[in-house]
C-alpha cells in the first residue's frame, strides 16, 4: 500500500523512484527503457534547467510535441518544480498555438523539431525561452534552423553538477499543475485549470476500480496532451512502477500491430474510432464473408460463438496478454460493443471529461455492464438532475477532489458550469441504474424535442445508422421540425457489394449517383425500422468528405449545425 504525504505529482514520482528504482519506466518501442531512478534524475535536471532560464513556481510552460519519453520528462520537470504545464495538442493549427501561448502567458516552451514551424504565428511577449524536446537544448523562440526529421536523444541519467546548488521549489496539493486547452465540440477552446490534487486524487480513485502493477506494460497511442491519456495512460502507470512504450509514427495498423507484438502490452487505452475501424474493416467482413456465415451470424446463438472465436483472435493480434482494454472519449457503437461483450474481450468503457481530471466512471473488465459507462468513481459524488418529475434521465452532475479549479482567466464560463456548492454540470444526459451503473444518453445541448414533446437523442439514431454495413459515420440534426441525417458512406463496402461499381465509376457518373441515392434511401428505411415513430428520418443525404473531429474523434457538430442554420 503506497501512502503519500501530500497529493502532488512530485511526491508520486519520488515514491516510485524509492519503490521501483530499477524497473523500466518510459521508452520508444524497440529501445531500452529508462529506469525509474534514471527518470527521476532526468526530471530533476529538467526542473533545474527551467529555473536557470528564469521560470519560477506558478509560471506557465507550454508543451507541444508528439508522444515520447521526452514529453513525459518535460511534463514532470515542469510540474515537479511548481510551474504550470500547458500541454498543446499537436493537431492544433499555428493560429491556435499562438492563441494558447498568448492566453496562457507561457514564459517558456518545450517543442519538438517536427512541430517547431507551428510557432510561425506566435508573437507572445511573455515567451522568453524555447527548449527542443528532441535533445533538451535551448533554441530561439522563432527563426532557428531546425531539422524537422531529427530523432530523439535520451536525456542524461547523471545528475547535472551545474544545477547542484539550485533550490527546487516544492509544489503543494492545491497548486495549479496544468492548464489544458481543448477544442471540445463547441468550437470555443477553454483553459481547464487542474491542480496537483485534482490529478493525483483522480488517479487514486481510479486505482480502486482498476489496479495497475509494476509488471504492467502499456503501448500509448492516444495524444498525451489529452487528459484521458495523460492521467490514465501516463500518471497512473508511473505511480505504480509500470512501463509505458511509445510509437514514433502514426499508429496505423501496419505500425501498431508489429509494436504490440513486440511489447505484448497488458493494458491499452483507445478511443471508439480505433476499435470500430478494426471491427468493421477486419472482423465483420470475415464473419459474414459467405452466405452461410452471414446466415449463421444472423442467429444470436451462432453470432455469440463466432464473436468468441473472433475476439480470441483479436486478443492474439494485440499480443495476447491484454487484461485491460480501456475505451473512452466518445460513445462506442452498439454493434462493436456487442462483439466485445459477447466475445468476452477484456474491455472497459470509461466516462470523463477534461474538467474532472478526467475520469468520472468506469469498471474493471470483469464487471462491465453492456451499454453502461461503469459506476461513479469512489471518493466523488454523482447525481442526475432532472427537469421534470416524469423524466428518467437528466444531466449528470459531479462533485469531488477531481473537479477543476475553473477555466483560466474566465470567471463567467466557470460560473456557468460550477455551482456555488461545488457541483460540476457535465452537460451530459444519463441515467444511474439501481445497480449503480451509469448509462449515458447524449449531450444536453444536442437534445431535440419533437413537436409532440418527446425527447430525441441524435446520438441514438446515429448509432443505428452507423450499424448499417454501407455507413462509416453519420450526423443527425433537425431542420424545420424534421429530422435529417448526413451520412459518410463506406465506398469500399459499396464496391465489394457491386461487382460493376468500378466500371460504372469510370463510365457512367449518372448511374453512380443513382446507386448512391438508392443506398441513401435504403439507409433511411433501415434506420426508421429500428427507431421510435417520433425519431424517424425524413431525409438522408451524402456527406462527401469525412466529418471534422475533435482530438477524441467526436464529430464537431457545431460546424455542420452552423452551416445548416
Protein backbone atom coordinates (compact mmCIF):
# COMPACT_ATOMS: atom_id res chain seq x y z
CA UNK A 1 0.00 0.00 0.00
CA UNK A 2 1.57 3.28 -1.14
CA UNK A 3 0.92 6.29 1.08
CA UNK A 4 1.56 9.91 0.14
CA UNK A 5 2.46 12.78 2.44
CA UNK A 6 0.73 15.12 0.02
CA UNK A 7 -1.15 14.61 -3.24
CA UNK A 8 1.35 16.07 -5.69
CA UNK A 9 3.00 14.72 -8.81
CA UNK A 10 6.43 15.26 -7.27
CA UNK A 11 5.52 13.13 -4.25
CA UNK A 12 4.17 10.41 -6.56
CA UNK A 13 7.36 10.30 -8.63
CA UNK A 14 9.58 10.32 -5.55
CA UNK A 15 7.65 7.33 -4.18
CA UNK A 16 8.07 5.43 -7.44
CA UNK A 17 11.79 6.12 -7.51
CA UNK A 18 12.05 4.65 -3.99
CA UNK A 19 9.84 1.61 -4.65
CA UNK A 20 10.83 0.75 -8.23
CA UNK A 21 14.33 2.23 -8.83
CA UNK A 22 15.42 -0.33 -11.42
CA UNK A 23 12.09 -1.05 -13.13
CA UNK A 24 11.70 0.19 -16.74
CA UNK A 25 9.62 3.38 -16.96
CA UNK A 26 9.36 5.14 -20.38
CA UNK A 27 10.72 4.11 -23.79
CA UNK A 28 10.09 4.03 -27.50
CA UNK A 29 9.08 0.62 -28.79
CA UNK A 30 12.28 -1.23 -29.65
CA UNK A 31 14.51 0.96 -27.44
CA UNK A 32 15.77 0.27 -23.93
CA UNK A 33 13.65 1.93 -21.26
CA UNK A 34 14.84 4.42 -18.66
CA UNK A 35 14.73 3.06 -15.13
CA UNK A 36 12.69 4.94 -12.54
CA UNK A 37 15.93 6.12 -10.96
CA UNK A 38 17.13 7.48 -14.33
CA UNK A 39 13.72 9.05 -14.98
CA UNK A 40 13.82 10.84 -11.63
CA UNK A 41 17.25 12.29 -12.40
CA UNK A 42 16.13 13.48 -15.84
CA UNK A 43 13.08 15.17 -14.28
CA UNK A 44 15.23 16.94 -11.69
CA UNK A 45 17.68 18.12 -14.36
CA UNK A 46 14.75 19.49 -16.39
CA UNK A 47 13.32 21.35 -13.38
CA UNK A 48 16.74 22.85 -12.71
CA UNK A 49 17.13 23.89 -16.35
CA UNK A 50 13.84 25.77 -16.19
CA UNK A 51 14.89 27.55 -13.01
CA UNK A 52 18.15 28.72 -14.64
CA UNK A 53 16.04 30.12 -17.51
CA UNK A 54 14.08 32.26 -15.10
CA UNK A 55 10.98 30.11 -14.78
CA UNK A 56 9.54 30.35 -11.28
CA UNK A 57 6.89 28.50 -9.31
CA UNK A 58 3.48 29.32 -10.77
CA UNK A 59 4.80 30.32 -14.22
CA UNK A 60 3.20 28.67 -17.23
CA UNK A 61 5.32 26.48 -19.52
CA UNK A 62 3.86 25.24 -22.82
CA UNK A 63 4.47 21.69 -24.07
CA UNK A 64 3.95 20.87 -27.74
CA UNK A 65 5.12 17.52 -29.06
CA UNK A 66 4.27 14.04 -30.19
CA UNK A 67 4.17 11.21 -27.66
CA UNK A 68 7.64 10.34 -26.42
CA UNK A 69 9.59 9.72 -23.20
CA UNK A 70 10.87 13.28 -23.56
CA UNK A 71 7.30 14.62 -23.43
CA UNK A 72 6.78 12.86 -20.11
CA UNK A 73 10.08 14.11 -18.71
CA UNK A 74 9.21 17.69 -19.69
CA UNK A 75 5.70 17.41 -18.21
CA UNK A 76 7.04 16.21 -14.87
CA UNK A 77 10.05 18.54 -14.94
CA UNK A 78 7.63 21.46 -15.20
CA UNK A 79 5.12 20.32 -12.58
CA UNK A 80 7.62 18.94 -10.05
CA UNK A 81 9.17 22.39 -9.55
CA UNK A 82 5.81 24.08 -9.07
CA UNK A 83 5.41 25.57 -12.55
CA UNK A 84 2.24 25.00 -14.58
CA UNK A 85 2.34 22.82 -17.69
CA UNK A 86 0.26 23.87 -20.70
CA UNK A 87 0.02 20.80 -22.95
CA UNK A 88 -0.92 21.68 -26.54
CA UNK A 89 -2.44 19.14 -28.91
CA UNK A 90 -0.20 18.52 -31.94
CA UNK A 91 -3.30 18.77 -34.17
CA UNK A 92 -3.83 22.43 -33.28
CA UNK A 93 -3.04 24.93 -36.05
CA UNK A 94 -0.34 27.56 -35.80
CA UNK A 95 -3.07 30.14 -35.18
CA UNK A 96 -4.45 28.10 -32.27
CA UNK A 97 -0.95 27.55 -30.86
CA UNK A 98 -0.31 31.31 -30.95
CA UNK A 99 -3.65 31.99 -29.22
CA UNK A 100 -2.87 29.50 -26.44
CA UNK A 101 0.59 30.91 -25.87
CA UNK A 102 -0.87 34.41 -25.62
CA UNK A 103 -3.79 33.46 -23.40
CA UNK A 104 -1.74 31.30 -21.03
CA UNK A 105 1.09 33.86 -20.92
CA UNK A 106 3.57 31.00 -21.17
CA UNK A 107 7.07 32.01 -20.06
CA UNK A 108 8.85 29.04 -21.66
CA UNK A 109 8.03 26.27 -24.09
CA UNK A 110 9.09 22.72 -24.93
CA UNK A 111 8.58 21.80 -28.58
CA UNK A 112 9.68 19.06 -30.99
CA UNK A 113 11.61 19.70 -34.18
CA UNK A 114 8.69 18.43 -36.27
CA UNK A 115 6.24 20.93 -34.76
CA UNK A 116 8.63 23.88 -34.45
CA UNK A 117 7.21 25.53 -37.62
CA UNK A 118 3.89 25.95 -35.74
CA UNK A 119 5.49 28.82 -33.85
CA UNK A 120 5.38 30.82 -37.08
CA UNK A 121 2.42 32.93 -35.96
CA UNK A 122 3.45 33.20 -32.31
CA UNK A 123 4.02 36.71 -31.03
CA UNK A 124 3.71 36.21 -27.29
CA UNK A 125 5.75 38.81 -25.43
CA UNK A 126 5.85 36.54 -22.36
CA UNK A 127 7.62 33.65 -24.12
CA UNK A 128 11.28 34.04 -23.20
CA UNK A 129 12.75 30.55 -23.70
CA UNK A 130 12.17 27.60 -26.05
CA UNK A 131 13.58 24.11 -25.42
CA UNK A 132 13.80 21.41 -28.07
CA UNK A 133 12.25 18.18 -26.81
CA UNK A 134 14.44 16.08 -29.08
CA UNK A 135 17.61 16.90 -27.13
CA UNK A 136 16.60 19.41 -24.38
CA UNK A 137 18.70 22.17 -25.93
CA UNK A 138 17.62 25.80 -25.60
CA UNK A 139 16.81 27.33 -29.00
CA UNK A 140 15.47 30.71 -30.20
CA UNK A 141 11.66 31.02 -29.91
CA UNK A 142 11.49 31.98 -33.58
CA UNK A 143 13.73 31.72 -36.63
CA UNK A 144 16.01 28.86 -35.64
CA UNK A 145 17.08 26.41 -38.35
CA UNK A 146 15.82 23.06 -37.07
CA UNK A 147 15.98 19.78 -38.95
CA UNK A 148 12.36 18.63 -38.77
CA UNK A 149 13.24 14.94 -39.15
CA UNK A 150 15.77 14.81 -36.31
CA UNK A 151 15.45 11.97 -33.82
CA UNK A 152 15.47 11.90 -30.03
CA UNK A 153 18.46 11.74 -27.72
CA UNK A 154 17.65 10.14 -24.37
CA UNK A 155 18.29 12.70 -21.58
CA UNK A 156 21.30 12.08 -19.38
CA UNK A 157 20.76 9.80 -16.40
CA UNK A 158 23.54 11.57 -14.48
CA UNK A 159 22.92 14.38 -12.04
CA UNK A 160 23.98 17.66 -13.68
CA UNK A 161 26.55 19.18 -11.31
CA UNK A 162 25.89 22.62 -12.86
CA UNK A 163 22.49 22.50 -11.15
CA UNK A 164 23.74 21.18 -7.80
CA UNK A 165 23.26 24.48 -5.95
CA UNK A 166 19.75 25.13 -7.26
CA UNK A 167 16.95 25.00 -4.72
CA UNK A 168 13.92 23.43 -6.42
CA UNK A 169 10.55 24.73 -5.15
CA UNK A 170 8.09 22.27 -3.64
CA UNK A 171 4.59 22.11 -5.19
CA UNK A 172 1.61 21.89 -2.85
CA UNK A 173 -1.64 19.93 -3.34
CA UNK A 174 -3.75 22.97 -4.20
CA UNK A 175 -1.13 24.44 -6.55
CA UNK A 176 -2.07 24.58 -10.20
CA UNK A 177 -0.38 21.75 -12.12
CA UNK A 178 -1.81 22.08 -15.64
CA UNK A 179 -3.90 24.30 -17.88
CA UNK A 180 -5.40 22.23 -20.67
CA UNK A 181 -6.90 23.86 -23.73
CA UNK A 182 -9.44 21.74 -25.54
CA UNK A 183 -11.32 22.48 -28.73
CA UNK A 184 -14.22 20.40 -27.41
CA UNK A 185 -17.30 20.14 -29.59
CA UNK A 186 -18.45 23.72 -29.10
CA UNK A 187 -15.73 25.41 -31.12
CA UNK A 188 -14.67 27.67 -28.23
CA UNK A 189 -11.41 26.48 -26.60
CA UNK A 190 -11.17 26.92 -22.83
CA UNK A 191 -8.21 26.58 -20.49
CA UNK A 192 -9.10 23.96 -17.86
CA UNK A 193 -7.18 24.51 -14.61
CA UNK A 194 -6.20 21.27 -12.85
CA UNK A 195 -4.33 21.15 -9.55
CA UNK A 196 -1.90 18.50 -8.32
CA UNK A 197 -4.64 17.23 -6.02
CA UNK A 198 -7.12 17.05 -8.91
CA UNK A 199 -4.83 14.76 -10.92
CA UNK A 200 -3.40 12.59 -8.16
CA UNK A 201 -6.74 12.11 -6.40
CA UNK A 202 -8.36 11.04 -9.68
CA UNK A 203 -5.58 8.51 -10.20
CA UNK A 204 -6.00 7.12 -6.66
CA UNK A 205 -9.78 6.84 -7.11
CA UNK A 206 -9.33 5.05 -10.43
CA UNK A 207 -6.98 2.52 -8.81
CA UNK A 208 -9.92 1.44 -6.66
CA UNK A 209 -11.75 0.16 -9.76
CA UNK A 210 -8.74 -0.97 -11.82
CA UNK A 211 -5.33 -1.51 -10.25
CA UNK A 212 -2.03 -1.27 -12.15
CA UNK A 213 1.09 -3.17 -11.09
CA UNK A 214 4.81 -2.77 -11.73
CA UNK A 215 4.71 -5.66 -14.20
CA UNK A 216 2.13 -3.98 -16.45
CA UNK A 217 3.14 -2.75 -19.90
CA UNK A 218 1.26 -0.14 -21.91
CA UNK A 219 1.58 0.92 -25.55
CA UNK A 220 0.49 4.57 -25.70
CA UNK A 221 -1.25 5.59 -28.93
CA UNK A 222 -3.52 8.49 -27.88
CA UNK A 223 -2.11 12.03 -27.57
CA UNK A 224 -0.53 12.66 -24.16
CA UNK A 225 -1.73 16.25 -24.36
CA UNK A 226 -5.27 14.95 -23.83
CA UNK A 227 -6.15 14.36 -20.15
CA UNK A 228 -7.52 10.86 -20.78
CA UNK A 229 -4.17 9.50 -21.92
CA UNK A 230 -2.14 11.76 -19.63
CA UNK A 231 -3.81 10.71 -16.37
CA UNK A 232 -4.80 7.11 -17.07
CA UNK A 233 -2.04 6.16 -19.52
CA UNK A 234 0.88 8.12 -18.08
CA UNK A 235 0.48 9.38 -14.50
CA UNK A 236 -1.23 6.24 -13.18
CA UNK A 237 1.31 3.74 -14.63
CA UNK A 238 4.19 5.83 -13.26
CA UNK A 239 2.59 5.84 -9.82
CA UNK A 240 2.67 2.02 -9.81
CA UNK A 241 6.06 1.37 -11.44
CA UNK A 242 4.62 0.14 -14.76
CA UNK A 243 6.27 0.58 -18.19
CA UNK A 244 4.91 2.78 -20.98
CA UNK A 245 6.05 2.45 -24.60
CA UNK A 246 5.59 4.96 -27.42
CA UNK A 247 5.49 4.62 -31.20
CA UNK A 248 7.45 7.11 -33.31
CA UNK A 249 4.99 7.00 -36.23
CA UNK A 250 1.21 7.47 -36.50
CA UNK A 251 -0.45 4.27 -35.15
CA UNK A 252 -1.73 2.84 -38.42
CA UNK A 253 -2.33 -0.91 -38.41
CA UNK A 254 0.96 -1.54 -40.25
CA UNK A 255 2.82 0.30 -37.47
CA UNK A 256 0.72 -0.61 -34.44
CA UNK A 257 0.45 -4.37 -34.93
CA UNK A 258 4.22 -5.06 -35.02
CA UNK A 259 4.61 -2.75 -31.98
CA UNK A 260 2.08 -4.61 -29.83
CA UNK A 261 3.55 -7.95 -30.88
CA UNK A 262 6.95 -6.73 -29.68
CA UNK A 263 5.78 -5.20 -26.37
CA UNK A 264 2.87 -7.58 -25.69
CA UNK A 265 1.02 -4.94 -23.65
CA UNK A 266 -1.11 -5.89 -20.68
CA UNK A 267 -3.09 -2.63 -20.85
CA UNK A 268 -4.11 -0.21 -23.61
CA UNK A 269 -6.28 2.87 -23.99
CA UNK A 270 -8.15 3.67 -27.20
CA UNK A 271 -10.99 5.84 -28.48
CA UNK A 272 -14.01 4.15 -30.10
CA UNK A 273 -12.96 5.04 -33.64
CA UNK A 274 -9.90 2.76 -33.42
CA UNK A 275 -11.72 -0.41 -32.38
CA UNK A 276 -14.72 0.40 -34.62
CA UNK A 277 -12.42 0.57 -37.67
CA UNK A 278 -10.83 -2.75 -36.75
CA UNK A 279 -14.23 -4.42 -36.30
CA UNK A 280 -15.82 -3.08 -39.48
CA UNK A 281 -12.82 -3.45 -41.78
CA UNK A 282 -11.28 -6.68 -40.44
CA UNK A 283 -13.54 -8.64 -38.10
CA UNK A 284 -17.06 -8.24 -39.53
CA UNK A 285 -16.14 -8.97 -43.19
CA UNK A 286 -14.61 -12.29 -42.08
CA UNK A 287 -17.66 -13.17 -40.00
CA UNK A 288 -20.01 -12.58 -42.96
CA UNK A 289 -17.79 -13.48 -45.92
CA UNK A 290 -20.10 -16.20 -47.27
CA UNK A 291 -23.88 -16.64 -47.40
CA UNK A 292 -23.65 -19.43 -44.84
CA UNK A 293 -21.56 -17.32 -42.45
CA UNK A 294 -23.90 -14.37 -42.92
CA UNK A 295 -26.89 -16.56 -42.06
CA UNK A 296 -25.15 -18.04 -39.02
CA UNK A 297 -24.21 -14.52 -37.91
CA UNK A 298 -27.88 -13.51 -38.01
CA UNK A 299 -28.73 -16.20 -35.44
CA UNK A 300 -27.93 -14.97 -31.87
CA UNK A 301 -26.58 -18.31 -30.61
CA UNK A 302 -24.18 -18.72 -33.55
CA UNK A 303 -23.29 -15.00 -33.53
CA UNK A 304 -22.10 -15.28 -29.92
CA UNK A 305 -19.98 -18.30 -30.79
CA UNK A 306 -18.46 -16.51 -33.79
CA UNK A 307 -17.78 -13.49 -31.60
CA UNK A 308 -15.94 -15.66 -29.07
CA UNK A 309 -13.68 -17.08 -31.80
CA UNK A 310 -13.04 -13.68 -33.41
CA UNK A 311 -12.37 -11.95 -30.07
CA UNK A 312 -9.79 -14.57 -29.16
CA UNK A 313 -8.00 -13.95 -32.47
CA UNK A 314 -8.16 -10.18 -31.87
CA UNK A 315 -6.60 -10.65 -28.44
CA UNK A 316 -3.70 -12.52 -30.06
CA UNK A 317 -3.37 -9.70 -32.60
CA UNK A 318 -2.78 -7.29 -29.70
CA UNK A 319 -0.05 -9.50 -28.27
CA UNK A 320 -2.15 -12.00 -26.33
CA UNK A 321 -1.57 -10.60 -22.83
CA UNK A 322 -4.13 -7.80 -22.51
CA UNK A 323 -6.15 -7.79 -19.30
CA UNK A 324 -7.46 -4.23 -19.66
CA UNK A 325 -8.56 -2.51 -22.88
CA UNK A 326 -9.94 0.90 -21.91
CA UNK A 327 -12.30 2.71 -24.29
CA UNK A 328 -13.23 6.35 -23.72
CA UNK A 329 -13.51 9.79 -25.27
CA UNK A 330 -16.79 9.15 -27.12
CA UNK A 331 -19.68 6.68 -27.22
CA UNK A 332 -18.88 3.20 -28.56
CA UNK A 333 -21.28 1.92 -31.23
CA UNK A 334 -23.76 -0.81 -30.29
CA UNK A 335 -22.58 -3.48 -32.73
CA UNK A 336 -18.91 -3.10 -31.79
CA UNK A 337 -19.58 -3.28 -28.06
CA UNK A 338 -21.82 -6.29 -28.63
CA UNK A 339 -18.88 -8.02 -30.32
CA UNK A 340 -16.53 -7.19 -27.44
CA UNK A 341 -19.08 -8.13 -24.79
CA UNK A 342 -20.18 -11.42 -26.35
CA UNK A 343 -16.61 -12.25 -27.29
CA UNK A 344 -15.50 -11.73 -23.66
CA UNK A 345 -12.77 -9.35 -24.74
CA UNK A 346 -11.25 -7.60 -21.66
CA UNK A 347 -12.67 -4.17 -22.47
CA UNK A 348 -13.98 -1.44 -20.20
CA UNK A 349 -15.96 1.70 -21.00
CA UNK A 350 -14.90 4.82 -19.13
CA UNK A 351 -16.57 8.22 -18.96
CA UNK A 352 -14.94 11.50 -18.10
CA UNK A 353 -14.08 14.99 -19.18
CA UNK A 354 -11.06 17.28 -19.03
CA UNK A 355 -12.74 19.32 -16.30
CA UNK A 356 -12.69 16.28 -13.95
CA UNK A 357 -9.06 15.22 -14.42
CA UNK A 358 -10.67 13.24 -16.32
CA UNK A 359 -12.33 10.01 -15.14
CA UNK A 360 -15.85 10.08 -13.66
CA UNK A 361 -16.95 6.48 -14.05
CA UNK A 362 -15.66 3.11 -15.15
CA UNK A 363 -15.25 -0.51 -14.14
CA UNK A 364 -12.91 -3.45 -14.35
CA UNK A 365 -13.46 -5.63 -17.47
CA UNK A 366 -14.76 -8.50 -15.31
CA UNK A 367 -17.80 -6.49 -14.19
CA UNK A 368 -18.62 -4.49 -17.32
CA UNK A 369 -22.35 -3.91 -17.89
CA UNK A 370 -23.39 -3.78 -21.53
CA UNK A 371 -24.08 -0.21 -22.81
CA UNK A 372 -23.08 1.35 -19.49
CA UNK A 373 -20.06 3.51 -18.63
CA UNK A 374 -19.28 1.82 -15.33
CA UNK A 375 -20.08 3.29 -11.93
CA UNK A 376 -19.15 6.53 -10.23
CA UNK A 377 -15.54 6.63 -9.00
CA UNK A 378 -15.04 6.15 -5.26
CA UNK A 379 -14.41 9.42 -3.46
CA UNK A 380 -16.66 11.59 -5.62
CA UNK A 381 -20.39 12.36 -5.65
CA UNK A 382 -22.55 11.92 -8.73
CA UNK A 383 -26.23 12.70 -9.22
CA UNK A 384 -28.77 13.06 -12.01
CA UNK A 385 -30.56 16.41 -12.17
CA UNK A 386 -33.89 16.16 -13.99
CA UNK A 387 -36.01 18.99 -15.39
CA UNK A 388 -39.29 17.20 -14.75
CA UNK A 389 -40.56 14.61 -12.28
CA UNK A 390 -41.55 12.21 -15.07
CA UNK A 391 -38.14 12.20 -16.73
CA UNK A 392 -35.99 9.11 -16.34
CA UNK A 393 -32.76 10.71 -17.49
CA UNK A 394 -31.23 14.04 -16.57
CA UNK A 395 -27.96 15.96 -16.58
CA UNK A 396 -25.02 14.30 -14.83
CA UNK A 397 -23.61 16.45 -12.00
CA UNK A 398 -20.46 15.57 -10.05
CA UNK A 399 -18.59 16.90 -7.05
CA UNK A 400 -15.21 15.85 -5.65
CA UNK A 401 -11.47 16.44 -5.38
CA UNK A 402 -11.09 15.74 -9.11
CA UNK A 403 -13.19 18.74 -10.23
CA UNK A 404 -11.17 21.55 -11.82
CA UNK A 405 -10.46 24.93 -10.22
CA UNK A 406 -12.17 26.57 -13.17
CA UNK A 407 -11.42 27.98 -16.61
CA UNK A 408 -8.25 30.05 -16.76
CA UNK A 409 -8.96 33.78 -16.82
CA UNK A 410 -12.67 33.18 -17.42
CA UNK A 411 -14.81 33.51 -14.29
CA UNK A 412 -18.01 33.83 -16.32
CA UNK A 413 -17.67 30.43 -18.03
CA UNK A 414 -16.55 28.87 -14.75
CA UNK A 415 -19.70 30.10 -13.01
CA UNK A 416 -21.83 28.60 -15.80
CA UNK A 417 -20.63 25.05 -15.07
CA UNK A 418 -19.70 25.00 -11.36
CA UNK A 419 -22.37 25.77 -8.77
CA UNK A 420 -21.75 27.70 -5.57
CA UNK A 421 -21.64 24.46 -3.59
CA UNK A 422 -19.10 22.81 -5.91
CA UNK A 423 -21.23 20.71 -8.29
CA UNK A 424 -19.94 20.50 -11.86
CA UNK A 425 -22.60 20.37 -14.57
CA UNK A 426 -21.21 17.94 -17.14
CA UNK A 427 -23.66 18.74 -19.95
CA UNK A 428 -24.20 15.00 -20.46
CA UNK A 429 -27.56 13.28 -20.12
CA UNK A 430 -27.66 9.98 -18.30
CA UNK A 431 -29.38 7.53 -16.00
CA UNK A 432 -27.96 5.87 -12.88
CA UNK A 433 -29.45 2.38 -12.66
CA UNK A 434 -30.37 0.73 -9.32
CA UNK A 435 -27.12 -1.30 -9.50
CA UNK A 436 -25.15 1.97 -9.59
CA UNK A 437 -24.08 1.79 -13.24
CA UNK A 438 -24.25 4.93 -15.35
CA UNK A 439 -25.86 4.86 -18.78
CA UNK A 440 -25.21 7.91 -20.95
CA UNK A 441 -27.84 9.13 -23.40
CA UNK A 442 -26.14 12.02 -25.16
CA UNK A 443 -25.19 15.66 -24.81
CA UNK A 444 -27.78 18.01 -23.32
CA UNK A 445 -27.11 20.62 -25.99
CA UNK A 446 -27.74 18.02 -28.73
CA UNK A 447 -31.16 17.02 -27.36
CA UNK A 448 -34.00 17.54 -29.84
CA UNK A 449 -37.59 17.89 -28.61
CA UNK A 450 -40.19 16.58 -31.08
CA UNK A 451 -43.31 18.62 -31.95
CA UNK A 452 -45.29 16.31 -29.66
CA UNK A 453 -42.85 16.82 -26.76
CA UNK A 454 -40.78 13.62 -26.82
CA UNK A 455 -37.02 13.77 -26.23
CA UNK A 456 -34.96 12.71 -29.25
CA UNK A 457 -31.31 11.80 -28.80
CA UNK A 458 -29.47 12.21 -32.13
CA UNK A 459 -26.61 10.03 -30.87
CA UNK A 460 -29.01 7.07 -30.52
CA UNK A 461 -30.22 7.46 -34.11
CA UNK A 462 -26.65 7.86 -35.35
CA UNK A 463 -25.77 4.63 -33.61
CA UNK A 464 -28.49 2.82 -35.58
CA UNK A 465 -27.41 4.42 -38.87
CA UNK A 466 -23.76 3.55 -38.24
CA UNK A 467 -24.65 -0.12 -37.81
CA UNK A 468 -25.64 -0.23 -41.49
CA UNK A 469 -22.96 -2.04 -43.48
CA UNK A 470 -22.66 0.81 -46.01
CA UNK A 471 -22.09 3.57 -43.43
CA UNK A 472 -18.88 4.83 -41.86
CA UNK A 473 -20.33 7.66 -39.76
CA UNK A 474 -23.31 9.97 -39.57
CA UNK A 475 -24.72 13.16 -38.09
CA UNK A 476 -28.41 13.65 -37.22
CA UNK A 477 -29.93 17.12 -36.93
CA UNK A 478 -33.26 18.95 -37.08
CA UNK A 479 -34.39 21.36 -39.79
CA UNK A 480 -37.85 22.95 -39.74
CA UNK A 481 -39.17 20.36 -37.32
CA UNK A 482 -37.96 17.38 -39.38
CA UNK A 483 -35.08 15.02 -38.70
CA UNK A 484 -32.36 14.68 -41.31
CA UNK A 485 -29.02 12.88 -41.41
CA UNK A 486 -25.71 13.42 -43.15
CA UNK A 487 -24.04 10.09 -43.91
CA UNK A 488 -20.46 9.29 -44.92
CA UNK A 489 -20.70 6.11 -46.97
CA UNK A 490 -18.35 3.14 -46.85
CA UNK A 491 -17.42 3.31 -50.53
CA UNK A 492 -15.15 0.29 -50.21
CA UNK A 493 -18.10 -1.80 -49.00
CA UNK A 494 -20.30 -0.48 -51.79
CA UNK A 495 -17.64 -1.52 -54.30
CA UNK A 496 -17.44 -5.01 -52.81
CA UNK A 497 -21.22 -5.42 -52.99
CA UNK A 498 -21.48 -4.16 -56.54
CA UNK A 499 -19.23 -6.00 -58.98
CA UNK A 500 -19.83 -3.40 -61.66
CA UNK A 501 -19.20 -0.42 -59.39
CA UNK A 502 -15.69 0.33 -60.67
CA UNK A 503 -16.80 0.16 -64.27
CA UNK A 504 -19.72 2.41 -63.52
CA UNK A 505 -17.41 4.80 -61.73
CA UNK A 506 -15.35 5.18 -64.86
CA UNK A 507 -18.07 5.30 -67.48
CA UNK A 508 -21.44 6.26 -66.02
CA UNK A 509 -21.50 9.05 -63.45
CA UNK A 510 -25.30 9.18 -63.60
CA UNK A 511 -25.57 5.55 -62.53
CA UNK A 512 -23.20 6.17 -59.63
CA UNK A 513 -25.44 8.89 -58.29
CA UNK A 514 -28.49 6.71 -58.77
CA UNK A 515 -26.85 3.84 -56.89
CA UNK A 516 -25.81 6.20 -54.07
CA UNK A 517 -29.32 7.66 -53.92
CA UNK A 518 -30.76 4.15 -53.64
CA UNK A 519 -28.27 3.38 -50.87
CA UNK A 520 -29.30 6.54 -49.02
CA UNK A 521 -32.96 5.57 -49.22
CA UNK A 522 -32.10 2.07 -48.03
CA UNK A 523 -30.24 3.57 -45.06
CA UNK A 524 -33.25 5.80 -44.24
CA UNK A 525 -35.65 2.83 -44.29
CA UNK A 526 -33.16 0.73 -42.30
CA UNK A 527 -32.89 3.37 -39.57
CA UNK A 528 -36.62 4.16 -39.47
CA UNK A 529 -37.47 0.49 -38.97
CA UNK A 530 -35.32 0.49 -35.82
CA UNK A 531 -36.24 3.76 -34.08
CA UNK A 532 -39.36 5.12 -32.43
CA UNK A 533 -42.06 6.83 -34.50
CA UNK A 534 -41.00 10.32 -33.33
CA UNK A 535 -37.32 9.63 -34.21
CA UNK A 536 -37.85 8.71 -37.87
CA UNK A 537 -35.72 10.43 -40.50
CA UNK A 538 -37.25 12.49 -43.31
CA UNK A 539 -34.09 12.73 -45.42
CA UNK A 540 -30.66 11.10 -45.58
CA UNK A 541 -28.02 13.00 -47.56
CA UNK A 542 -24.50 12.07 -48.59
CA UNK A 543 -21.53 13.56 -46.73
CA UNK A 544 -18.72 13.61 -49.31
CA UNK A 545 -15.74 14.34 -47.03
CA UNK A 546 -15.05 12.82 -43.60
CA UNK A 547 -16.51 14.87 -40.77
CA UNK A 548 -14.17 17.21 -38.92
CA UNK A 549 -13.47 15.84 -35.46
CA UNK A 550 -12.13 16.80 -32.06
CA UNK A 551 -8.90 15.22 -30.72
CA UNK A 552 -11.00 12.43 -29.18
CA UNK A 553 -12.65 11.80 -32.57
CA UNK A 554 -16.08 13.23 -31.79
CA UNK A 555 -17.71 14.99 -34.73
CA UNK A 556 -17.55 18.78 -34.42
CA UNK A 557 -21.31 19.21 -34.58
CA UNK A 558 -21.22 22.98 -34.25
CA UNK A 559 -19.56 23.30 -37.67
CA UNK A 560 -22.31 21.46 -39.52
CA UNK A 561 -25.21 22.83 -37.49
CA UNK A 562 -23.90 26.34 -38.15
CA UNK A 563 -23.74 25.61 -41.89
CA UNK A 564 -27.37 24.48 -41.90
CA UNK A 565 -28.74 27.28 -39.72
